[in-house]
């Protein structure tokens, strides 16, 4: 096997894409236990790899620094004289960095042409669902290594577990039979199952089960999620639901998810965090499809989706509006369908 002493991984964003790099990092560390493995990442996502024992150093890119910041990072990387660069992003920034590095490099094959044919002409050239995890691992196929099928990793310090007990001790969570995580929002509109459906689903769950629900999301999503939370409380007259949107870091979210029996989520980054912590996942897919490689990886899951539409998929990342103006990919997914998926994954008759 060819030896590499100094390795750089490039993946700037976003949450899910970065979490999905963890099997590659694990395989690289096993193949090169004494090598230096660095990770180039956008500053706001660096906590996702900060405690990963398979990473030696994190190089943070601050987008606020613009081209000058990118130029400075390129000089820094050139000075480190990497033997191998793995470009898992394949955009103009990563191309600039890897060419500037003067190192041997390999780049992810995103299947852009197949993706284009599926979105534009609804011609499916994908022979199977290939996870982004395996697309990342393809960059080191010259090493004759394979996916170890041990799922995703996401590491956080022990003190977050202690903080969990301190923060939520007044909730008496030990009195509930089920702890459920819910991520009801997303960056793009066409990835969001409607709020009213979440309200009905969570009301049904709280009325029929002795359950407590944690609502997760970003600071920008806090008001939207708070609206859902308040509506569920009003419908059920129960306070066993708590909006944590914007109040937790990504690793704190992972620590709370560790106490949950399952996660109900749209196709979003928190879905991958739940999978990395080996939680059961019920994922609701709208405008996106599993052929793109983004689905709950390495954990028990049920993907709920509408496969009866000729217009789907209309995008690989999500849209801010439905181009057909009917939004049937989400509107036609009934509360009963998701509720049944919830019961099935928990083996509830």
Foldseek 3Di string as FASTA:
>chain_A
DDDWQFEEEEDADDQQLVQLCFLVLVVVCVVHVNHAYEYEYAPQRVLQCVPPPSHDYYHHQHCVVPPVSLVVVLVVLLVVLGQEYEYLHPDPSSVVSVVSNPHHYFYFDQPVVQVCCCQPVVDHPQPDQAASSQSSVVRVCVVVDDRPLQFTAGDDDPVLLVVVCVVCVVVPQVVFPFEEEEEQDAPAPQQHQDLVLVLVLVLVDVVVGRYAYEYEEAPVCQVVVVVSQVSNCVSNVDPRYDYCYNVDRLVSVLSVLLPGQAYEYTQHSVLQSNLNSQHEYEYEYFLADSSSNRDRGSHHYHYDWDPPDPNHNNDHRHHNADPVNPSCRNVVRHSVNSSVRVCVSVVHD
